Protein backbone atom coordinates (compact mmCIF):
# COMPACT_ATOMS: atom_id res chain seq x y z
CA UNK A 1 29.81 26.46 -11.23
CA UNK A 2 29.87 26.26 -7.26
CA UNK A 3 27.34 24.35 -5.44
CA UNK A 4 24.64 26.74 -3.92
CA UNK A 5 22.77 24.05 -1.94
CA UNK A 6 24.11 20.95 -0.66
CA UNK A 7 23.24 17.64 -2.30
CA UNK A 8 21.99 16.41 1.09
CA UNK A 9 19.36 19.06 1.51
CA UNK A 10 18.12 18.49 -2.07
CA UNK A 11 17.90 14.75 -1.25
CA UNK A 12 16.12 15.43 1.89
CA UNK A 13 13.60 17.57 -0.02
CA UNK A 14 13.10 14.84 -2.71
CA UNK A 15 12.60 12.10 -0.22
CA UNK A 16 10.20 14.15 1.84
CA UNK A 17 8.28 15.01 -1.36
CA UNK A 18 8.09 11.54 -2.44
CA UNK A 19 6.91 10.36 1.09
CA UNK A 20 4.37 13.15 1.22
CA UNK A 21 2.84 12.38 -2.30
CA UNK A 22 2.78 8.78 -1.61
CA UNK A 23 0.81 9.46 1.81
CA UNK A 24 -1.97 11.34 -0.25
CA UNK A 25 -4.15 8.12 -0.95
CA UNK A 26 -3.76 6.94 2.81
CA UNK A 27 -7.18 5.95 4.18
CA UNK A 28 -9.53 2.95 4.41
CA UNK A 29 -8.89 1.96 0.88
CA UNK A 30 -8.56 -1.39 -0.92
CA UNK A 31 -6.41 -1.04 -4.16
CA UNK A 32 -6.62 -4.64 -5.66
CA UNK A 33 -7.89 -8.18 -4.99
CA UNK A 34 -4.61 -9.54 -3.75
CA UNK A 35 -4.79 -6.96 -0.81
CA UNK A 36 -8.18 -8.20 0.19
CA UNK A 37 -7.09 -11.75 0.11
CA UNK A 38 -4.30 -10.97 2.32
CA UNK A 39 -6.38 -9.28 4.94
CA UNK A 40 -9.06 -11.91 4.75
CA UNK A 41 -6.47 -14.66 5.42
CA UNK A 42 -5.10 -12.45 8.40
CA UNK A 43 -8.78 -12.29 10.00
CA UNK A 44 -8.90 -16.24 9.57
CA UNK A 45 -5.56 -16.51 11.29
CA UNK A 46 -6.69 -14.46 14.09
CA UNK A 47 -10.19 -16.16 14.36
CA UNK A 48 -8.58 -19.72 14.48
CA UNK A 49 -5.53 -18.74 16.54
CA UNK A 50 -3.35 -21.26 14.59
CA UNK A 51 -0.74 -20.21 12.21
CA UNK A 52 0.37 -23.76 11.08
CA UNK A 53 -0.65 -25.48 7.97
CA UNK A 54 -3.00 -22.86 6.45
CA UNK A 55 -4.29 -23.01 2.91
CA UNK A 56 -3.84 -19.44 2.15
CA UNK A 57 -2.60 -17.82 -0.98
CA UNK A 58 1.27 -18.03 -1.14
CA UNK A 59 1.44 -18.47 2.63
CA UNK A 60 4.69 -20.15 2.46
CA UNK A 61 6.15 -17.29 0.57
CA UNK A 62 4.69 -14.34 2.24
CA UNK A 63 3.59 -15.29 5.69
CA UNK A 64 4.85 -12.40 7.67
CA UNK A 65 2.38 -10.19 6.00
CA UNK A 66 -0.40 -12.33 7.24
CA UNK A 67 0.95 -12.40 10.77
CA UNK A 68 1.41 -8.66 10.86
CA UNK A 69 -2.19 -8.03 9.71
CA UNK A 70 -3.46 -10.73 12.04
CA UNK A 71 -1.87 -8.93 15.10
CA UNK A 72 -3.51 -5.70 13.91
CA UNK A 73 -6.95 -7.37 13.52
CA UNK A 74 -6.48 -8.85 17.05
CA UNK A 75 -6.23 -5.20 18.37
CA UNK A 76 -8.69 -3.53 16.18
CA UNK A 77 -11.43 -6.02 15.22
CA UNK A 78 -13.79 -7.91 17.44
CA UNK A 79 -14.23 -11.76 16.89
CA UNK A 80 -17.84 -11.21 15.98
CA UNK A 81 -19.63 -8.77 13.68
CA UNK A 82 -17.86 -5.33 13.19
CA UNK A 83 -19.54 -2.10 12.14
CA UNK A 84 -18.38 -0.24 8.95
CA UNK A 85 -16.38 2.50 11.09
CA UNK A 86 -14.47 -0.01 12.83
CA UNK A 87 -13.45 -1.96 9.64
CA UNK A 88 -12.44 1.26 7.99
CA UNK A 89 -10.28 2.22 11.11
CA UNK A 90 -8.54 -1.17 10.65
CA UNK A 91 -8.05 -0.85 6.88
CA UNK A 92 -6.57 2.61 7.48
CA UNK A 93 -4.08 1.26 10.17
CA UNK A 94 -2.80 -1.42 7.94
CA UNK A 95 -2.33 0.92 5.09
CA UNK A 96 -0.58 3.42 7.37
CA UNK A 97 1.79 0.75 8.49
CA UNK A 98 2.76 0.08 4.88
CA UNK A 99 3.24 3.69 4.16
CA UNK A 100 5.38 4.11 7.38
CA UNK A 101 7.48 1.13 6.43
CA UNK A 102 8.12 2.68 3.01
CA UNK A 103 8.82 6.24 4.40
CA UNK A 104 11.27 4.75 6.96
CA UNK A 105 13.07 2.50 4.44
CA UNK A 106 13.15 5.10 1.60
CA UNK A 107 14.56 7.59 4.00
CA UNK A 108 17.40 5.34 5.29
CA UNK A 109 18.22 4.24 1.74
CA UNK A 110 18.27 7.75 0.25
CA UNK A 111 19.95 9.57 3.15
CA UNK A 112 22.59 7.28 4.48
CA UNK A 113 26.20 8.37 4.30
CA UNK A 114 25.18 12.08 3.42
CA UNK A 115 28.70 13.15 2.88
CA UNK A 116 28.78 10.90 -0.30
CA UNK A 117 25.73 12.39 -1.77
CA UNK A 118 26.20 14.24 -5.07
CA UNK A 119 23.83 15.99 -7.61
CA UNK A 120 24.20 12.72 -9.72
CA UNK A 121 22.44 10.87 -6.83
CA UNK A 122 19.73 13.48 -6.64
CA UNK A 123 19.14 13.01 -10.24
CA UNK A 124 19.12 9.26 -10.16
CA UNK A 125 16.61 9.46 -7.10
CA UNK A 126 14.27 11.64 -9.23
CA UNK A 127 14.35 9.06 -12.04
CA UNK A 128 13.64 6.05 -9.81
CA UNK A 129 11.26 7.05 -6.84
CA UNK A 130 8.78 9.86 -7.50
CA UNK A 131 6.80 7.90 -10.04
CA UNK A 132 3.49 6.07 -10.11
CA UNK A 133 5.28 2.67 -9.43
CA UNK A 134 5.74 3.84 -5.76
CA UNK A 135 3.31 6.91 -5.37
CA UNK A 136 0.17 4.76 -6.32
CA UNK A 137 1.19 1.61 -4.19
CA UNK A 138 3.09 2.77 -1.15
CA UNK A 139 -0.02 3.56 0.93
CA UNK A 140 -1.67 0.08 0.51
CA UNK A 141 -0.92 -2.81 2.67
CA UNK A 142 0.79 -5.33 0.66
CA UNK A 143 3.66 -7.84 1.04
CA UNK A 144 5.61 -6.32 -1.80
CA UNK A 145 5.91 -2.82 -0.45
CA UNK A 146 6.61 -4.34 3.07
CA UNK A 147 9.50 -6.39 1.72
CA UNK A 148 10.87 -3.47 -0.56
CA UNK A 149 10.90 -1.22 2.68
CA UNK A 150 12.95 -3.83 4.65
CA UNK A 151 15.35 -4.16 1.96
CA UNK A 152 15.71 -0.30 1.56
CA UNK A 153 16.26 0.07 4.89
CA UNK A 154 18.99 -2.47 4.99
CA UNK A 155 20.49 -0.62 2.01
CA UNK A 156 20.83 2.36 4.35
CA UNK A 157 23.03 0.40 6.70
CA UNK A 158 24.83 -1.48 3.95
CA UNK A 159 27.44 1.13 3.18
CA UNK A 160 29.05 0.54 6.50
CA UNK A 161 32.32 -1.30 5.29
CA UNK A 162 33.17 -2.77 8.56
CA UNK A 163 32.38 -6.52 8.92
CA UNK A 164 31.53 -6.50 12.63
CA UNK A 165 29.32 -8.80 14.50
CA UNK A 166 26.55 -6.12 14.70
CA UNK A 167 26.63 -5.55 10.91
CA UNK A 168 26.28 -9.10 10.38
CA UNK A 169 23.31 -9.42 12.79
CA UNK A 170 21.63 -6.52 11.02
CA UNK A 171 22.27 -8.19 7.61
CA UNK A 172 20.78 -11.56 8.55
CA UNK A 173 17.83 -10.05 10.36
CA UNK A 174 17.03 -7.79 7.52
CA UNK A 175 17.43 -10.50 4.79
CA UNK A 176 15.08 -12.83 6.97
CA UNK A 177 12.50 -10.15 7.33
CA UNK A 178 12.43 -9.18 3.68
CA UNK A 179 11.99 -12.73 2.60
CA UNK A 180 9.57 -13.68 5.15
CA UNK A 181 7.44 -10.84 3.79
CA UNK A 182 7.88 -11.79 0.02
CA UNK A 183 10.29 -14.67 -1.02
CA UNK A 184 11.48 -12.87 -4.29
CA UNK A 185 13.33 -10.56 -2.17
CA UNK A 186 16.29 -13.01 -2.61
CA UNK A 187 16.73 -11.35 -6.16
CA UNK A 188 18.30 -8.38 -4.64
CA UNK A 189 20.80 -10.28 -2.31
CA UNK A 190 23.31 -10.57 -4.85
CA UNK A 191 23.55 -6.89 -5.28
CA UNK A 192 24.01 -6.56 -1.46
CA UNK A 193 26.98 -9.24 -1.69
CA UNK A 194 28.41 -7.09 -4.62
CA UNK A 195 28.14 -3.99 -2.69
CA UNK A 196 29.92 -5.36 0.26
CA UNK A 197 33.04 -5.88 -1.78
CA UNK A 198 34.92 -2.58 -1.29
CA UNK A 199 38.03 -3.45 -3.19
CA UNK A 200 36.75 -5.74 -5.90
CA UNK A 201 38.93 -8.72 -4.86
CA UNK A 202 37.86 -12.35 -4.67
CA UNK A 203 38.07 -12.33 -0.88
CA UNK A 204 36.03 -9.09 -0.78
CA UNK A 205 32.96 -11.38 -1.49
CA UNK A 206 33.36 -13.53 1.63
CA UNK A 207 32.61 -12.33 5.00
CA UNK A 208 30.10 -12.36 7.90
CA UNK A 209 27.61 -10.06 6.53
CA UNK A 210 27.54 -11.92 3.07
CA UNK A 211 27.11 -15.25 4.94
CA UNK A 212 24.54 -13.72 7.08
CA UNK A 213 22.35 -12.59 4.30
CA UNK A 214 21.91 -15.96 3.05
CA UNK A 215 21.67 -17.75 6.21
CA UNK A 216 18.86 -15.29 7.26
CA UNK A 217 17.13 -15.73 3.85
CA UNK A 218 17.52 -19.62 4.04
CA UNK A 219 15.93 -19.56 7.56
CA UNK A 220 12.82 -17.38 6.35
CA UNK A 221 12.39 -19.59 3.43
CA UNK A 222 12.74 -22.65 5.76
CA UNK A 223 10.19 -21.20 8.15
CA UNK A 224 7.63 -20.58 5.21
CA UNK A 225 7.93 -24.26 4.32
CA UNK A 226 7.38 -25.40 7.71
CA UNK A 227 4.46 -23.21 8.80
CA UNK A 228 2.60 -23.67 5.71
CA UNK A 229 2.47 -27.51 6.20
CA UNK A 230 -0.15 -29.21 3.72
CA UNK A 231 -0.96 -25.53 2.65
CA UNK A 232 2.29 -25.16 0.85
CA UNK A 233 1.71 -23.33 -2.51
CA UNK A 234 3.36 -24.51 -5.60
CA UNK A 235 1.84 -21.47 -7.30
CA UNK A 236 3.97 -19.78 -9.76
CA UNK A 237 2.54 -16.90 -11.98
CA UNK A 238 1.89 -18.09 -15.40
CA UNK A 239 4.14 -16.27 -18.02
CA UNK A 240 2.42 -13.40 -19.32
CA UNK A 241 4.34 -11.37 -21.89
CA UNK A 242 2.65 -8.65 -23.84
CA UNK A 243 5.21 -5.92 -25.43
CA UNK A 244 2.37 -3.42 -25.43
CA UNK A 245 1.71 -3.87 -21.68
CA UNK A 246 5.49 -3.82 -21.06
CA UNK A 247 5.70 -0.54 -23.18
CA UNK A 248 2.94 1.02 -21.23
CA UNK A 249 4.46 0.18 -18.01
CA UNK A 250 7.86 1.55 -18.98
CA UNK A 251 6.29 4.74 -20.21
CA UNK A 252 3.50 5.39 -17.90
CA UNK A 253 4.14 3.52 -14.62
CA UNK A 254 7.92 3.87 -14.17
CA UNK A 255 9.03 6.49 -17.08
CA UNK A 256 12.55 7.12 -15.51
CA UNK A 257 13.52 3.56 -14.48
CA UNK A 258 14.78 2.35 -17.74
CA UNK A 259 17.04 5.71 -18.25
CA UNK A 260 18.24 5.04 -14.77
CA UNK A 261 18.95 1.57 -15.27
CA UNK A 262 20.89 2.21 -18.50
CA UNK A 263 22.89 5.11 -16.64
CA UNK A 264 23.89 2.90 -13.77
CA UNK A 265 24.93 0.08 -16.12
CA UNK A 266 26.93 2.60 -18.06
CA UNK A 267 28.60 3.98 -15.03
CA UNK A 268 29.46 0.32 -13.66
CA UNK A 269 30.99 -0.71 -16.94
CA UNK A 270 33.23 2.48 -16.62
CA UNK A 271 34.16 2.71 -13.17
CA UNK A 272 34.99 -0.77 -12.18
CA UNK A 273 38.46 -1.86 -13.27
CA UNK A 274 38.32 -5.52 -12.59
CA UNK A 275 36.53 -7.25 -15.52
CA UNK A 276 35.03 -10.05 -13.60
CA UNK A 277 33.90 -7.70 -10.69
CA UNK A 278 32.29 -5.50 -13.38
CA UNK A 279 30.42 -8.36 -14.91
CA UNK A 280 29.30 -9.65 -11.59
CA UNK A 281 27.96 -6.34 -10.65
CA UNK A 282 26.06 -5.85 -14.07
CA UNK A 283 24.64 -9.52 -13.39
CA UNK A 284 23.42 -8.37 -10.00
CA UNK A 285 21.77 -5.36 -11.47
CA UNK A 286 20.17 -7.31 -14.13
CA UNK A 287 18.82 -10.15 -12.00
CA UNK A 288 15.58 -8.62 -10.81
CA UNK A 289 15.25 -6.96 -14.20
CA UNK A 290 15.40 -10.26 -16.29
CA UNK A 291 13.43 -12.32 -13.75
CA UNK A 292 10.38 -9.91 -13.94
CA UNK A 293 10.48 -8.56 -17.51
CA UNK A 294 8.37 -11.44 -18.96
CA UNK A 295 5.97 -11.17 -15.99
CA UNK A 296 3.41 -8.27 -16.78
CA UNK A 297 0.81 -9.17 -14.23
CA UNK A 298 1.49 -6.16 -12.14
CA UNK A 299 4.03 -3.13 -12.21
CA UNK A 300 4.95 -3.93 -8.40
CA UNK A 301 7.00 -6.72 -9.71
CA UNK A 302 9.52 -3.82 -10.56
CA UNK A 303 10.15 -2.64 -7.00
CA UNK A 304 13.28 -4.91 -6.81
CA UNK A 305 14.62 -3.89 -10.01
CA UNK A 306 14.24 -0.10 -8.88
CA UNK A 307 15.97 -1.05 -5.74
CA UNK A 308 18.86 -2.74 -7.25
CA UNK A 309 19.22 0.31 -9.62
CA UNK A 310 19.47 2.76 -6.76
CA UNK A 311 21.52 0.70 -4.60
CA UNK A 312 24.40 0.15 -7.21
CA UNK A 313 24.01 3.43 -8.44
CA UNK A 314 24.90 4.86 -5.13
CA UNK A 315 28.01 2.98 -5.29
CA UNK A 316 29.09 3.66 -8.86
CA UNK A 317 28.16 7.32 -9.29
CA UNK A 318 30.86 9.86 -8.21
CA UNK A 319 30.78 10.52 -4.57
CA UNK A 320 32.49 13.84 -4.57
CA UNK A 321 31.85 16.71 -7.01
CA UNK A 322 33.81 19.78 -6.43
CA UNK A 323 31.37 21.61 -9.06
CA UNK A 324 28.30 20.83 -10.97
CA UNK A 325 28.77 19.99 -14.55
CA UNK A 326 26.46 22.07 -16.79
CA UNK A 327 25.23 18.96 -18.76
CA UNK A 328 24.51 17.29 -15.45
CA UNK A 329 22.63 20.29 -14.29
CA UNK A 330 20.61 20.59 -17.19
CA UNK A 331 19.73 16.97 -17.22
CA UNK A 332 18.70 17.26 -13.57
CA UNK A 333 16.42 20.18 -14.38
CA UNK A 334 14.97 18.53 -17.36
CA UNK A 335 14.19 15.54 -15.25
CA UNK A 336 12.51 17.38 -12.69
CA UNK A 337 10.39 19.46 -15.29
CA UNK A 338 9.21 16.38 -16.97
CA UNK A 339 7.91 14.96 -13.51
CA UNK A 340 6.11 18.20 -12.87
CA UNK A 341 4.55 18.10 -16.43
CA UNK A 342 3.64 14.62 -15.91
CA UNK A 343 1.94 15.34 -12.74
CA UNK A 344 -0.59 17.64 -14.43
CA UNK A 345 -0.66 16.55 -18.07
CA UNK A 346 -1.41 13.25 -19.86
CA UNK A 347 -2.91 11.70 -22.74
CA UNK A 348 -6.56 11.33 -23.61
CA UNK A 349 -6.33 8.07 -25.81
CA UNK A 350 -9.33 7.22 -27.94
CA UNK A 351 -7.73 4.44 -30.12
CA UNK A 352 -4.45 3.20 -31.49
CA UNK A 353 -3.69 6.23 -33.74
CA UNK A 354 -6.14 8.70 -31.95
CA UNK A 355 -4.84 10.53 -28.92
CA UNK A 356 -4.39 14.09 -27.89
CA UNK A 357 -2.88 15.87 -24.99
CA UNK A 358 -5.08 16.06 -21.86
CA UNK A 359 -4.89 18.25 -18.63
CA UNK A 360 -5.75 16.93 -15.30
CA UNK A 361 -7.87 14.11 -16.78
CA UNK A 362 -5.85 11.39 -18.66
CA UNK A 363 -7.14 7.99 -19.85
CA UNK A 364 -6.64 5.46 -17.30
CA UNK A 365 -4.92 2.24 -18.17
CA UNK A 366 -6.21 -1.11 -16.64
CA UNK A 367 -3.39 -3.15 -14.65
CA UNK A 368 -3.87 -6.01 -12.26
CA UNK A 369 -3.56 -3.66 -9.43
CA UNK A 370 -6.45 -1.07 -10.80
CA UNK A 371 -6.25 1.61 -13.12
CA UNK A 372 -3.32 3.80 -13.88
CA UNK A 373 -3.42 7.22 -15.62
CA UNK A 374 -1.51 7.97 -18.64
CA UNK A 375 0.07 11.02 -16.88
CA UNK A 376 -1.81 13.65 -14.85
CA UNK A 377 -0.62 11.91 -11.63
CA UNK A 378 -1.70 14.54 -9.17
CA UNK A 379 -5.44 14.47 -9.87
CA UNK A 380 -5.25 10.68 -9.67
CA UNK A 381 -3.66 10.77 -6.33
CA UNK A 382 -6.47 12.94 -5.26
CA UNK A 383 -9.00 10.59 -6.73
CA UNK A 384 -7.48 7.49 -4.93
CA UNK A 385 -7.77 9.51 -1.47
CA UNK A 386 -11.63 9.85 -2.09
CA UNK A 387 -11.98 6.26 -3.62
CA UNK A 388 -13.81 4.98 -0.59
CA UNK A 389 -16.54 7.57 -1.55
CA UNK A 390 -16.19 7.55 -5.36
CA UNK A 391 -14.41 4.31 -6.62
CA UNK A 392 -11.80 4.80 -9.29
CA UNK A 393 -12.23 1.47 -10.62
CA UNK A 394 -13.98 -2.03 -10.20
CA UNK A 395 -11.88 -2.94 -7.09
CA UNK A 396 -13.40 -0.27 -5.14
CA UNK A 397 -16.72 -0.54 -6.51
CA UNK A 398 -16.89 -4.45 -5.69
CA UNK A 399 -15.54 -3.76 -2.14
CA UNK A 400 -18.23 -1.02 -1.59
CA UNK A 401 -20.89 -3.38 -2.76
CA UNK A 402 -19.54 -6.30 -0.62
CA UNK A 403 -19.16 -4.42 2.31
CA UNK A 404 -22.71 -3.15 2.24
CA UNK A 405 -24.17 -6.62 1.93
CA UNK A 406 -25.38 -8.33 4.95
CA UNK A 407 -24.79 -12.07 5.10
CA UNK A 408 -26.92 -14.66 6.64
CA UNK A 409 -26.30 -18.14 7.46
CA UNK A 410 -27.83 -20.29 10.10
CA UNK A 411 -24.69 -22.22 10.97
CA UNK A 412 -22.31 -19.25 10.72
CA UNK A 413 -20.74 -20.43 7.52
CA UNK A 414 -21.04 -18.49 4.26
CA UNK A 415 -20.15 -20.52 1.13
CA UNK A 416 -18.65 -18.59 -1.81
CA UNK A 417 -18.22 -19.45 -5.40
CA UNK A 418 -14.56 -19.04 -6.49
CA UNK A 419 -14.42 -16.04 -8.92
CA UNK A 420 -11.76 -13.48 -10.05
CA UNK A 421 -12.85 -10.95 -7.08
CA UNK A 422 -14.22 -13.34 -4.67
CA UNK A 423 -11.66 -12.03 -1.98
CA UNK A 424 -13.72 -9.00 -1.29
CA UNK A 425 -17.01 -10.87 -0.52
CA UNK A 426 -14.80 -13.10 1.72
CA UNK A 427 -13.27 -10.23 3.54
CA UNK A 428 -16.74 -8.74 3.90
CA UNK A 429 -18.18 -11.98 5.37
CA UNK A 430 -15.24 -12.43 7.73
CA UNK A 431 -15.59 -8.74 9.05
CA UNK A 432 -19.21 -9.72 9.95
CA UNK A 433 -18.13 -12.57 12.19
CA UNK A 434 -18.90 -15.42 9.71
CA UNK A 435 -16.72 -18.41 8.74
CA UNK A 436 -16.14 -18.64 4.92
CA UNK A 437 -15.84 -21.66 2.75
CA UNK A 438 -14.69 -21.05 -0.83
């Protein structure tokens, strides 16, 4: 069966479709409490003018996201009170920066070295990226999506197999920026080192790019330790493992990611002749999976697992296909059909053993990042776009109430009691020109 359409054009359409769908919720929206906390901290940085020794949430491990948002706040917000329209424009700008970074990184990562792209890569892309894991989070300002985007863009450059000085600088800079946005980016660096080894030899693991990766990451971690000062965070998310939550994540939020991971691991085991090189590749693939499988606080933790799966899959899947295998074509068509079906159909769950198919209005499952529908993605994307007018969950409802409040304090300081969603109140008070003590 001869190829009628080039794999590159198919990949171009798939990448464009994913970017377009992820842009639907773009607007002055807050998706979850951590986003409000990040933006509130950015306003405090802008107001105080000091970036050192700040007691902000995970400041030592995600400081660059604070700095970038503080820069936009300096441009968009006045030091005093801001009206609701001005705040809405600022929120839209920060969300647009996150989406633009995602689109840039995804484009480079998916379309780089177009001559090596095949229908197998298109199928893998379908399994990994056009899913709620990215579609429901890419248009909201968060360190996780910014760090992922930098690593994805670096993955677009990474297939270059020349250990030149420029490639080493790109590797070091990319690793430093990704780790500065979120420290757990280091979990994907072993995959980059494995990919840099073109021939599977021991010497292939040593080179300027590999060294630059870890130097850049080390500098970023050291900078976070220095700038945080007494505000260094020893916070580590407590272990939260629930097989029911994990099943829901894998089936609803990222339904194609596990099949993609199994497929890539199988191809890796078959296509790499050196046993030790194969084992190191499997270890690099498994590292972000194993690190976050016991952590079910948020599905965003699996950004790194998705990226490692795609990067290693690009290497081990066949790079040239003279014809399209019928089984592969049927699998690709079935994957595409499943995605289309899940975009409009889902489940109406009324109990553990009581559920039925639902069209355009599926049951919404609670997560730490807000609710996620059990199928029927397309209507939910539209609902997210209107969430500043009609809240889709408690996050938008609390922010709508907090932003409508008018704080009053004689000395200009608002005192807040720490609560699970106090970041929305803190952000609202800061945009009105008050200082906040929690």
